[in-house]
N, C-alpha and C. Protein backbone atom coordinates (compact mmCIF):
# COMPACT_ATOMS: atom_id res chain seq x y z
N UNK A 1 127.90 107.27 129.19
CA UNK A 1 128.62 108.25 128.42
C UNK A 1 128.15 109.63 128.84
N UNK A 2 129.08 110.50 129.12
CA UNK A 2 128.75 111.85 129.54
C UNK A 2 128.65 112.77 128.33
N UNK A 3 128.13 113.97 128.55
CA UNK A 3 128.07 114.96 127.47
C UNK A 3 129.49 115.27 127.00
N UNK A 4 130.44 115.31 127.91
CA UNK A 4 131.83 115.56 127.53
C UNK A 4 132.36 114.44 126.64
N UNK A 5 132.01 113.18 126.95
CA UNK A 5 132.41 112.06 126.10
C UNK A 5 131.85 112.23 124.68
N UNK A 6 130.60 112.67 124.61
CA UNK A 6 129.96 112.87 123.30
C UNK A 6 130.69 113.96 122.53
N UNK A 7 131.02 115.04 123.23
CA UNK A 7 131.73 116.13 122.56
C UNK A 7 133.09 115.68 122.02
N UNK A 8 133.67 114.65 122.66
CA UNK A 8 134.99 114.17 122.25
C UNK A 8 134.93 113.03 121.23
N UNK A 9 133.72 112.62 120.82
CA UNK A 9 133.61 111.58 119.80
C UNK A 9 134.21 112.10 118.49
N UNK A 10 134.80 111.18 117.69
CA UNK A 10 135.26 111.64 116.38
C UNK A 10 134.06 112.18 115.61
N UNK A 11 134.27 113.30 114.95
CA UNK A 11 133.17 113.94 114.26
C UNK A 11 132.77 113.18 113.01
N UNK A 12 131.48 112.99 112.87
CA UNK A 12 130.90 112.57 111.62
C UNK A 12 130.71 113.88 110.86
N UNK A 13 131.08 113.92 109.63
CA UNK A 13 130.88 115.16 108.87
C UNK A 13 129.38 115.33 108.70
N UNK A 14 128.76 115.97 109.70
CA UNK A 14 127.30 116.05 109.70
C UNK A 14 126.78 116.87 108.55
N UNK A 15 127.55 117.80 108.05
CA UNK A 15 127.10 118.56 106.89
C UNK A 15 127.01 117.63 105.68
N UNK A 16 127.95 116.67 105.59
CA UNK A 16 127.96 115.75 104.45
C UNK A 16 127.06 114.54 104.68
N UNK A 17 126.76 114.23 105.95
CA UNK A 17 125.94 113.06 106.24
C UNK A 17 124.53 113.28 105.68
N UNK A 18 124.06 112.33 104.93
CA UNK A 18 122.75 112.42 104.31
C UNK A 18 121.86 111.33 104.91
N UNK A 19 120.77 111.73 105.52
CA UNK A 19 119.87 110.74 106.12
C UNK A 19 119.30 109.80 105.08
N UNK A 20 119.36 110.20 103.82
CA UNK A 20 118.88 109.30 102.75
C UNK A 20 119.82 108.12 102.57
N UNK A 21 121.03 108.19 103.18
CA UNK A 21 121.96 107.06 103.09
C UNK A 21 121.50 105.89 103.97
N UNK A 22 120.56 106.14 104.85
CA UNK A 22 119.99 105.06 105.67
C UNK A 22 118.97 104.34 104.79
N UNK A 23 119.21 103.05 104.60
CA UNK A 23 118.38 102.28 103.68
C UNK A 23 117.29 101.57 104.46
N UNK A 24 116.06 101.87 104.10
CA UNK A 24 114.91 101.21 104.72
C UNK A 24 114.59 99.95 103.92
N UNK A 25 114.30 98.89 104.61
CA UNK A 25 113.93 97.64 103.96
C UNK A 25 112.71 97.86 103.07
N UNK A 26 112.61 97.11 102.02
CA UNK A 26 111.45 97.20 101.13
C UNK A 26 110.36 96.21 101.53
N UNK A 27 110.55 95.55 102.65
CA UNK A 27 109.57 94.56 103.13
C UNK A 27 108.20 95.20 103.31
N UNK A 28 107.16 94.42 103.09
CA UNK A 28 105.79 94.86 103.35
C UNK A 28 105.54 94.98 104.86
N UNK A 29 106.31 94.23 105.65
CA UNK A 29 106.13 94.19 107.10
C UNK A 29 106.75 95.42 107.76
N UNK A 30 105.91 96.24 108.37
CA UNK A 30 106.39 97.48 108.99
C UNK A 30 107.44 97.20 110.06
N UNK A 31 107.23 96.22 110.91
CA UNK A 31 108.20 95.94 111.97
C UNK A 31 109.57 95.63 111.38
N UNK A 32 109.61 94.90 110.28
CA UNK A 32 110.88 94.59 109.63
C UNK A 32 111.54 95.87 109.13
N UNK A 33 110.77 96.76 108.51
CA UNK A 33 111.32 98.03 108.02
C UNK A 33 111.83 98.88 109.18
N UNK A 34 111.05 98.95 110.25
CA UNK A 34 111.42 99.72 111.44
C UNK A 34 112.72 99.20 112.03
N UNK A 35 112.82 97.89 112.20
CA UNK A 35 114.02 97.30 112.81
C UNK A 35 115.25 97.50 111.92
N UNK A 36 115.06 97.47 110.58
CA UNK A 36 116.22 97.67 109.70
C UNK A 36 116.75 99.09 109.83
N UNK A 37 115.87 100.07 109.99
CA UNK A 37 116.29 101.45 110.18
C UNK A 37 116.96 101.60 111.54
N UNK A 38 116.34 101.06 112.59
CA UNK A 38 116.90 101.22 113.94
C UNK A 38 118.29 100.60 114.05
N UNK A 39 118.53 99.48 113.38
CA UNK A 39 119.86 98.86 113.41
C UNK A 39 120.91 99.80 112.82
N UNK A 40 120.52 100.60 111.83
CA UNK A 40 121.46 101.53 111.20
C UNK A 40 121.66 102.79 112.05
N UNK A 41 120.71 103.11 112.92
CA UNK A 41 120.84 104.27 113.79
C UNK A 41 121.76 104.01 114.97
N UNK A 42 121.98 102.76 115.27
CA UNK A 42 122.66 102.36 116.50
C UNK A 42 123.99 103.07 116.76
N UNK A 43 124.87 103.13 115.80
CA UNK A 43 126.21 103.66 116.06
C UNK A 43 126.45 105.05 115.50
N UNK A 44 125.40 105.74 115.09
CA UNK A 44 125.59 107.10 114.61
C UNK A 44 125.93 108.02 115.78
N UNK A 45 126.87 108.94 115.62
CA UNK A 45 127.23 109.85 116.71
C UNK A 45 126.32 111.08 116.78
N UNK A 46 125.31 111.14 115.94
CA UNK A 46 124.32 112.22 115.98
C UNK A 46 122.93 111.59 116.07
N UNK A 47 121.99 112.35 116.60
CA UNK A 47 120.61 111.86 116.65
C UNK A 47 119.98 111.99 115.27
N UNK A 48 119.25 110.96 114.90
CA UNK A 48 118.49 110.93 113.65
C UNK A 48 117.11 110.40 114.01
N UNK A 49 116.07 111.03 113.47
CA UNK A 49 114.69 110.61 113.75
C UNK A 49 113.99 110.21 112.46
N UNK A 50 113.13 109.21 112.58
CA UNK A 50 112.26 108.78 111.49
C UNK A 50 110.82 108.86 112.01
N UNK A 51 109.96 109.48 111.23
CA UNK A 51 108.54 109.55 111.58
C UNK A 51 107.75 108.65 110.65
N UNK A 52 106.79 107.93 111.24
CA UNK A 52 105.93 107.01 110.49
C UNK A 52 104.47 107.28 110.84
N UNK A 53 103.60 107.06 109.88
CA UNK A 53 102.17 107.12 110.17
C UNK A 53 101.82 105.92 111.04
N UNK A 54 100.63 105.92 111.63
CA UNK A 54 100.19 104.79 112.44
C UNK A 54 100.11 103.51 111.60
N UNK A 55 99.93 103.66 110.29
CA UNK A 55 99.87 102.52 109.39
C UNK A 55 101.26 102.05 108.94
N UNK A 56 102.32 102.78 109.34
CA UNK A 56 103.68 102.36 109.03
C UNK A 56 104.30 103.00 107.81
N UNK A 57 103.69 104.02 107.26
CA UNK A 57 104.26 104.72 106.10
C UNK A 57 105.31 105.71 106.59
N UNK A 58 106.51 105.66 105.97
CA UNK A 58 107.55 106.62 106.34
C UNK A 58 107.11 108.02 105.93
N UNK A 59 107.18 108.96 106.88
CA UNK A 59 106.76 110.34 106.64
C UNK A 59 107.93 111.29 106.46
N UNK A 60 109.00 111.08 107.24
CA UNK A 60 110.17 111.96 107.15
C UNK A 60 111.35 111.32 107.86
N UNK A 61 112.52 111.90 107.56
CA UNK A 61 113.80 111.57 108.21
C UNK A 61 114.44 112.91 108.55
N UNK A 62 115.02 113.00 109.74
CA UNK A 62 115.63 114.26 110.17
C UNK A 62 116.93 113.95 110.89
N UNK A 63 117.98 114.70 110.56
CA UNK A 63 119.24 114.55 111.30
C UNK A 63 119.35 115.70 112.29
N UNK A 64 119.93 115.39 113.43
CA UNK A 64 120.15 116.39 114.46
C UNK A 64 121.63 116.54 114.73
N UNK A 65 121.96 116.65 116.01
CA UNK A 65 123.37 116.71 116.43
C UNK A 65 123.58 115.65 117.51
N UNK A 66 124.68 115.72 118.22
CA UNK A 66 125.00 114.69 119.21
C UNK A 66 124.03 114.68 120.39
N UNK A 67 123.32 115.78 120.61
CA UNK A 67 122.47 115.89 121.79
C UNK A 67 120.97 115.88 121.52
N UNK A 68 120.57 116.19 120.28
CA UNK A 68 119.13 116.32 120.03
C UNK A 68 118.84 116.31 118.54
N UNK A 69 117.58 116.08 118.24
CA UNK A 69 117.08 116.25 116.88
C UNK A 69 115.82 117.11 117.01
N UNK A 70 115.72 118.11 116.16
CA UNK A 70 114.59 119.04 116.23
C UNK A 70 113.66 118.80 115.05
N UNK A 71 112.38 118.64 115.34
CA UNK A 71 111.37 118.51 114.30
C UNK A 71 110.76 119.87 114.04
N UNK A 72 110.40 120.11 112.79
CA UNK A 72 109.71 121.34 112.44
C UNK A 72 108.25 121.22 112.89
N UNK A 73 107.54 122.33 113.02
CA UNK A 73 106.10 122.25 113.33
C UNK A 73 105.35 121.41 112.30
N UNK A 74 105.76 121.48 111.04
CA UNK A 74 105.10 120.70 109.99
C UNK A 74 105.33 119.20 110.20
N UNK A 75 106.55 118.83 110.57
CA UNK A 75 106.85 117.41 110.82
C UNK A 75 106.08 116.90 112.04
N UNK A 76 105.99 117.74 113.07
CA UNK A 76 105.24 117.35 114.27
C UNK A 76 103.77 117.11 113.94
N UNK A 77 103.22 117.95 113.10
CA UNK A 77 101.83 117.77 112.70
C UNK A 77 101.67 116.53 111.83
N UNK A 78 102.61 116.30 110.94
CA UNK A 78 102.56 115.16 110.03
C UNK A 78 102.59 113.83 110.79
N UNK A 79 103.41 113.73 111.83
CA UNK A 79 103.55 112.47 112.57
C UNK A 79 102.50 112.32 113.69
N UNK A 80 101.69 113.33 113.87
CA UNK A 80 100.66 113.29 114.92
C UNK A 80 99.88 111.97 114.84
N UNK A 81 99.82 111.26 115.96
CA UNK A 81 99.12 109.98 116.02
C UNK A 81 99.94 108.82 115.45
N UNK A 82 101.18 109.08 115.04
CA UNK A 82 102.01 108.05 114.43
C UNK A 82 103.09 107.53 115.36
N UNK A 83 104.19 107.14 114.76
CA UNK A 83 105.29 106.51 115.48
C UNK A 83 106.56 107.31 115.18
N UNK A 84 107.32 107.60 116.22
CA UNK A 84 108.59 108.30 116.06
C UNK A 84 109.69 107.44 116.66
N UNK A 85 110.70 107.13 115.87
CA UNK A 85 111.88 106.45 116.41
C UNK A 85 113.08 107.34 116.18
N UNK A 86 114.01 107.29 117.09
CA UNK A 86 115.24 108.05 116.98
C UNK A 86 116.31 107.37 117.82
N UNK A 87 117.53 107.82 117.67
CA UNK A 87 118.62 107.21 118.44
C UNK A 87 119.14 108.19 119.49
N UNK A 88 119.75 107.62 120.52
CA UNK A 88 120.43 108.39 121.55
C UNK A 88 121.90 107.97 121.54
N UNK A 89 122.77 108.76 120.88
CA UNK A 89 124.19 108.39 120.80
C UNK A 89 124.87 108.21 122.15
N UNK A 90 124.33 108.85 123.19
CA UNK A 90 124.92 108.70 124.52
C UNK A 90 124.40 107.48 125.26
N UNK A 91 123.52 106.69 124.63
CA UNK A 91 123.00 105.48 125.25
C UNK A 91 121.91 105.71 126.27
N UNK A 92 121.39 106.93 126.35
CA UNK A 92 120.45 107.28 127.40
C UNK A 92 119.01 106.83 127.13
N UNK A 93 118.25 106.92 128.18
CA UNK A 93 116.82 106.63 128.21
C UNK A 93 116.08 107.83 127.61
N UNK A 94 114.75 107.76 127.52
CA UNK A 94 113.96 108.89 127.05
C UNK A 94 114.27 110.14 127.87
N UNK A 95 114.39 111.27 127.21
CA UNK A 95 114.55 112.52 127.93
C UNK A 95 113.17 113.06 128.29
N UNK A 96 113.15 114.02 129.20
CA UNK A 96 111.88 114.69 129.54
C UNK A 96 111.31 115.34 128.28
N UNK A 97 112.20 115.90 127.45
CA UNK A 97 111.76 116.50 126.19
C UNK A 97 111.13 115.49 125.25
N UNK A 98 111.72 114.28 125.17
CA UNK A 98 111.14 113.22 124.33
C UNK A 98 109.70 112.93 124.75
N UNK A 99 109.50 112.74 126.05
CA UNK A 99 108.17 112.37 126.54
C UNK A 99 107.20 113.54 126.38
N UNK A 100 107.67 114.76 126.59
CA UNK A 100 106.83 115.93 126.37
C UNK A 100 106.39 116.03 124.91
N UNK A 101 107.31 115.77 123.99
CA UNK A 101 106.98 115.80 122.56
C UNK A 101 105.99 114.69 122.22
N UNK A 102 106.15 113.52 122.83
CA UNK A 102 105.20 112.43 122.58
C UNK A 102 103.78 112.87 122.96
N UNK A 103 103.69 113.60 124.08
CA UNK A 103 102.39 114.16 124.49
C UNK A 103 101.88 115.13 123.43
N UNK A 104 102.73 116.08 123.03
CA UNK A 104 102.33 117.12 122.07
C UNK A 104 101.87 116.54 120.74
N UNK A 105 102.58 115.50 120.27
CA UNK A 105 102.27 114.93 118.96
C UNK A 105 101.27 113.79 119.05
N UNK A 106 100.80 113.50 120.27
CA UNK A 106 99.84 112.41 120.48
C UNK A 106 100.32 111.12 119.79
N UNK A 107 101.60 110.81 119.97
CA UNK A 107 102.18 109.64 119.30
C UNK A 107 101.53 108.35 119.75
N UNK A 108 101.42 107.43 118.83
CA UNK A 108 101.00 106.07 119.16
C UNK A 108 102.13 105.37 119.90
N UNK A 109 103.36 105.64 119.42
CA UNK A 109 104.53 105.03 120.04
C UNK A 109 105.74 105.94 119.86
N UNK A 110 106.53 106.05 120.91
CA UNK A 110 107.81 106.75 120.90
C UNK A 110 108.89 105.69 121.12
N UNK A 111 109.94 105.72 120.29
CA UNK A 111 111.01 104.73 120.40
C UNK A 111 112.35 105.46 120.43
N UNK A 112 113.29 104.91 121.20
CA UNK A 112 114.66 105.46 121.27
C UNK A 112 115.65 104.30 121.24
N UNK A 113 116.53 104.32 120.26
CA UNK A 113 117.57 103.31 120.12
C UNK A 113 118.74 103.72 121.00
N UNK A 114 119.16 102.81 121.87
CA UNK A 114 120.27 103.09 122.78
C UNK A 114 121.42 102.16 122.47
N UNK A 115 122.61 102.72 122.37
CA UNK A 115 123.79 101.90 122.06
C UNK A 115 124.42 101.28 123.30
N UNK A 116 123.62 101.02 124.30
CA UNK A 116 124.12 100.30 125.47
C UNK A 116 124.58 98.91 125.03
N UNK A 117 125.25 98.20 125.90
CA UNK A 117 125.62 96.82 125.61
C UNK A 117 124.83 95.93 126.54
N UNK A 118 123.95 95.09 126.02
CA UNK A 118 123.59 94.96 124.61
C UNK A 118 122.69 96.12 124.18
N UNK A 119 122.67 96.35 122.87
CA UNK A 119 121.86 97.43 122.31
C UNK A 119 120.37 97.17 122.56
N UNK A 120 119.65 98.24 122.90
CA UNK A 120 118.22 98.11 123.19
C UNK A 120 117.44 99.24 122.52
N UNK A 121 116.14 99.03 122.45
CA UNK A 121 115.22 100.06 122.00
C UNK A 121 114.23 100.29 123.13
N UNK A 122 114.12 101.53 123.59
CA UNK A 122 113.09 101.88 124.57
C UNK A 122 111.82 102.18 123.78
N UNK A 123 110.71 101.64 124.23
CA UNK A 123 109.44 101.85 123.54
C UNK A 123 108.39 102.28 124.55
N UNK A 124 107.75 103.41 124.28
CA UNK A 124 106.67 103.91 125.13
C UNK A 124 105.45 104.12 124.23
N UNK A 125 104.35 103.50 124.61
CA UNK A 125 103.11 103.64 123.84
C UNK A 125 102.17 104.61 124.53
N UNK A 126 101.30 105.20 123.72
CA UNK A 126 100.30 106.13 124.27
C UNK A 126 99.49 105.40 125.34
N UNK A 127 99.34 106.01 126.50
CA UNK A 127 98.54 105.39 127.56
C UNK A 127 97.07 105.26 127.11
N UNK A 128 96.37 104.29 127.67
CA UNK A 128 94.97 104.05 127.31
C UNK A 128 94.13 105.31 127.51
N UNK A 129 94.43 106.09 128.52
CA UNK A 129 93.65 107.32 128.78
C UNK A 129 94.19 108.52 128.01
N UNK A 130 95.23 108.31 127.18
CA UNK A 130 95.81 109.38 126.39
C UNK A 130 96.93 110.09 127.13
N UNK A 131 97.65 110.90 126.37
CA UNK A 131 98.72 111.71 126.95
C UNK A 131 98.09 112.88 127.70
N UNK A 132 98.73 113.32 128.77
CA UNK A 132 98.19 114.43 129.57
C UNK A 132 99.31 115.45 129.82
N UNK A 133 99.62 116.24 128.79
CA UNK A 133 100.78 117.14 128.83
C UNK A 133 100.77 118.12 129.99
N UNK A 134 99.70 118.88 130.23
CA UNK A 134 99.77 119.85 131.34
C UNK A 134 100.04 119.18 132.68
N UNK A 135 99.39 118.07 132.92
CA UNK A 135 99.60 117.35 134.17
C UNK A 135 101.01 116.78 134.22
N UNK A 136 101.50 116.25 133.09
CA UNK A 136 102.86 115.72 133.03
C UNK A 136 103.88 116.82 133.34
N UNK A 137 103.72 117.99 132.72
CA UNK A 137 104.65 119.11 132.95
C UNK A 137 104.65 119.50 134.43
N UNK A 138 103.47 119.56 135.05
CA UNK A 138 103.37 119.89 136.46
C UNK A 138 104.07 118.82 137.31
N UNK A 139 103.81 117.56 137.00
CA UNK A 139 104.38 116.46 137.75
C UNK A 139 105.91 116.46 137.66
N UNK A 140 106.44 116.66 136.46
CA UNK A 140 107.90 116.68 136.28
C UNK A 140 108.51 117.86 137.05
N UNK A 141 107.88 119.01 136.96
CA UNK A 141 108.36 120.19 137.68
C UNK A 141 108.39 119.92 139.19
N UNK A 142 107.34 119.30 139.70
CA UNK A 142 107.26 118.96 141.12
C UNK A 142 108.37 117.99 141.51
N UNK A 143 108.62 116.99 140.66
CA UNK A 143 109.66 116.00 140.95
C UNK A 143 111.06 116.63 140.89
N UNK A 144 111.27 117.55 139.94
CA UNK A 144 112.56 118.25 139.88
C UNK A 144 112.78 119.06 141.15
N UNK A 145 111.74 119.73 141.64
CA UNK A 145 111.85 120.51 142.87
C UNK A 145 112.10 119.59 144.07
N UNK A 146 111.46 118.42 144.09
CA UNK A 146 111.68 117.46 145.17
C UNK A 146 113.15 117.05 145.20
N UNK A 147 113.73 116.82 144.03
CA UNK A 147 115.15 116.43 143.96
C UNK A 147 116.05 117.56 144.47
N UNK A 148 115.72 118.80 144.12
CA UNK A 148 116.50 119.95 144.62
C UNK A 148 116.42 120.00 146.14
N UNK A 149 115.22 119.87 146.68
CA UNK A 149 115.03 119.92 148.13
C UNK A 149 115.78 118.79 148.83
N UNK A 150 115.84 117.63 148.17
CA UNK A 150 116.48 116.46 148.77
C UNK A 150 118.00 116.61 148.86
N UNK A 151 118.61 117.30 147.90
CA UNK A 151 120.07 117.38 147.88
C UNK A 151 120.62 118.70 148.44
N UNK A 152 119.78 119.69 148.62
CA UNK A 152 120.21 121.03 149.04
C UNK A 152 120.86 120.99 150.42
N UNK A 153 122.06 121.58 150.48
CA UNK A 153 122.78 121.73 151.74
C UNK A 153 123.10 123.21 151.92
N UNK A 154 123.17 123.71 153.16
CA UNK A 154 123.41 125.14 153.39
C UNK A 154 124.71 125.67 152.78
N UNK A 155 125.75 124.85 152.73
CA UNK A 155 127.05 125.33 152.25
C UNK A 155 127.28 125.11 150.75
N UNK A 156 126.26 124.64 150.02
CA UNK A 156 126.40 124.37 148.58
C UNK A 156 126.15 125.61 147.74
N UNK A 157 126.86 125.66 146.62
CA UNK A 157 126.54 126.69 145.63
C UNK A 157 125.27 126.25 144.90
N UNK A 158 124.61 127.20 144.27
CA UNK A 158 123.41 126.86 143.48
C UNK A 158 123.77 125.89 142.36
N UNK A 159 124.93 126.11 141.74
CA UNK A 159 125.36 125.23 140.65
C UNK A 159 125.56 123.79 141.13
N UNK A 160 126.14 123.63 142.30
CA UNK A 160 126.34 122.29 142.86
C UNK A 160 125.01 121.64 143.20
N UNK A 161 124.09 122.41 143.76
CA UNK A 161 122.76 121.89 144.08
C UNK A 161 122.06 121.41 142.81
N UNK A 162 122.12 122.21 141.76
CA UNK A 162 121.48 121.83 140.49
C UNK A 162 122.13 120.58 139.91
N UNK A 163 123.46 120.51 139.95
CA UNK A 163 124.16 119.33 139.43
C UNK A 163 123.73 118.07 140.18
N UNK A 164 123.70 118.13 141.50
CA UNK A 164 123.30 116.98 142.31
C UNK A 164 121.82 116.63 142.11
N UNK A 165 120.98 117.65 142.01
CA UNK A 165 119.55 117.42 141.80
C UNK A 165 119.30 116.77 140.44
N UNK A 166 120.02 117.24 139.41
CA UNK A 166 119.87 116.64 138.08
C UNK A 166 120.30 115.18 138.07
N UNK A 167 121.39 114.89 138.78
CA UNK A 167 121.86 113.50 138.86
C UNK A 167 120.83 112.62 139.56
N UNK A 168 120.25 113.11 140.64
CA UNK A 168 119.23 112.36 141.37
C UNK A 168 117.99 112.16 140.50
N UNK A 169 117.57 113.22 139.81
CA UNK A 169 116.40 113.13 138.94
C UNK A 169 116.63 112.08 137.85
N UNK A 170 117.80 112.14 137.23
CA UNK A 170 118.12 111.19 136.17
C UNK A 170 118.09 109.75 136.69
N UNK A 171 118.62 109.56 137.89
CA UNK A 171 118.64 108.24 138.52
C UNK A 171 117.23 107.72 138.78
N UNK A 172 116.31 108.62 139.10
CA UNK A 172 114.95 108.23 139.49
C UNK A 172 113.92 108.39 138.37
N UNK A 173 114.35 108.88 137.19
CA UNK A 173 113.44 109.26 136.12
C UNK A 173 112.52 108.12 135.67
N UNK A 174 113.05 106.92 135.47
CA UNK A 174 112.21 105.80 135.02
C UNK A 174 111.11 105.52 136.04
N UNK A 175 111.46 105.57 137.33
CA UNK A 175 110.44 105.36 138.38
C UNK A 175 109.44 106.50 138.41
N UNK A 176 109.90 107.73 138.15
CA UNK A 176 109.01 108.88 138.11
C UNK A 176 107.98 108.70 137.00
N UNK A 177 108.43 108.24 135.84
CA UNK A 177 107.50 107.99 134.72
C UNK A 177 106.46 106.94 135.10
N UNK A 178 106.91 105.86 135.72
CA UNK A 178 105.98 104.79 136.13
C UNK A 178 104.96 105.32 137.14
N UNK A 179 105.41 106.14 138.10
CA UNK A 179 104.49 106.70 139.09
C UNK A 179 103.44 107.58 138.42
N UNK A 180 103.82 108.22 137.32
CA UNK A 180 102.87 109.05 136.58
C UNK A 180 101.95 108.20 135.71
N UNK A 181 102.24 106.92 135.59
CA UNK A 181 101.40 106.03 134.80
C UNK A 181 101.89 105.81 133.38
N UNK A 182 103.13 106.23 133.10
CA UNK A 182 103.70 106.01 131.77
C UNK A 182 104.59 104.78 131.84
N UNK A 183 104.25 103.80 131.07
CA UNK A 183 105.03 102.57 131.06
C UNK A 183 105.82 102.48 129.76
N UNK A 184 106.86 101.71 129.80
CA UNK A 184 107.72 101.55 128.65
C UNK A 184 108.27 100.13 128.66
N UNK A 185 108.78 99.74 127.52
CA UNK A 185 109.45 98.44 127.40
C UNK A 185 110.89 98.68 126.99
N UNK A 186 111.76 97.77 127.39
CA UNK A 186 113.14 97.76 126.94
C UNK A 186 113.25 96.53 126.07
N UNK A 187 113.39 96.76 124.75
CA UNK A 187 113.40 95.68 123.78
C UNK A 187 114.80 95.45 123.23
N UNK A 188 115.16 94.21 122.97
CA UNK A 188 116.46 94.00 122.31
C UNK A 188 116.41 94.57 120.91
N UNK A 189 117.50 95.17 120.47
CA UNK A 189 117.55 95.67 119.10
C UNK A 189 117.52 94.49 118.17
N UNK A 190 116.61 94.50 117.23
CA UNK A 190 116.45 93.38 116.29
C UNK A 190 117.46 93.47 115.17
């Protein structure tokens, strides 16, 4: 699904949409509660995030728009060391911003619900050696420049070069993360 496809989705009245309408299971089992929330995030046309403590206590719910969800500095501090799950209405993998935020918040786990067929949840856990944001930012910047250099042709406009480089980066992003030592799982949506 492209950004244009997302823009053309029928609008959910986001002003009227209340994240409290998402019902979390009352189960004692955190995984059960997490999966019940993620199943409800699957077909929303806007991003919605849930933050949990490392012990599984729900800390907050936030609604975003079709392309992103923004956490406040207070929410980022609250979820520090915890678990963040959110959905990607376009079916995409973790964004560079998602992984950067996982570094900043020192998350135990970052999750993204994707409405691919079949529906999946991407899960990335904190590496054993911890998140390394400055090095990650440098590495991503270097890889973006490598993609630009790889696609650049003398007769191209800058806009065309950027478009092609972004497409190449997106195609190689999962491998780039692995090369940096960040691993993830693709889990079936429960």
